[in-house]
Amino acid sequence: MVLTDRQRSDLHAGIHEYLLSRGEKFAAAAAALALADPDACAKSESSSSSTTPLLEKKWTAVPRLQRKVLELERAVSTNASYHAHRSSITSGTVSNGNSNEGDGNRRMIPRPPTFK
């Protein structure tokens, strides 16, 4: 997967912010990242006043989006089975107990009501 420049900058800013929040043990890694991408790290330092760190915000979005994808896949599956069932009914395979072998593509038309 290829990241755009903005995505890469946001990722580096989030990692830098996370490393700084972890304390002294990770300060060297944060400094190395600051040397490698000074623009992104300056951005993370200026936005460090936010309540939720950027990396945590992105990380928690992943399960939410995965759950949404699963819901949509389930809906597609349900709709596909519904339409498959519906197409088998309208193709003439199921109609009043009789099968219209010659009229496979003809749709069923309801009979008009009889008036007495």
Foldseek 3Di string as FASTA:
>chain_A
DDDDPVRVLLVLLLVLLVLVVVPDVSVVVSVVSCVVPVVSVVVSVVPVVDDDGSVVVVVVVVVVVVVVVVVVVVVVVVVVVVVVVVLCQQQQCDDPPDGDPVRRNHGDDDDDDDDD
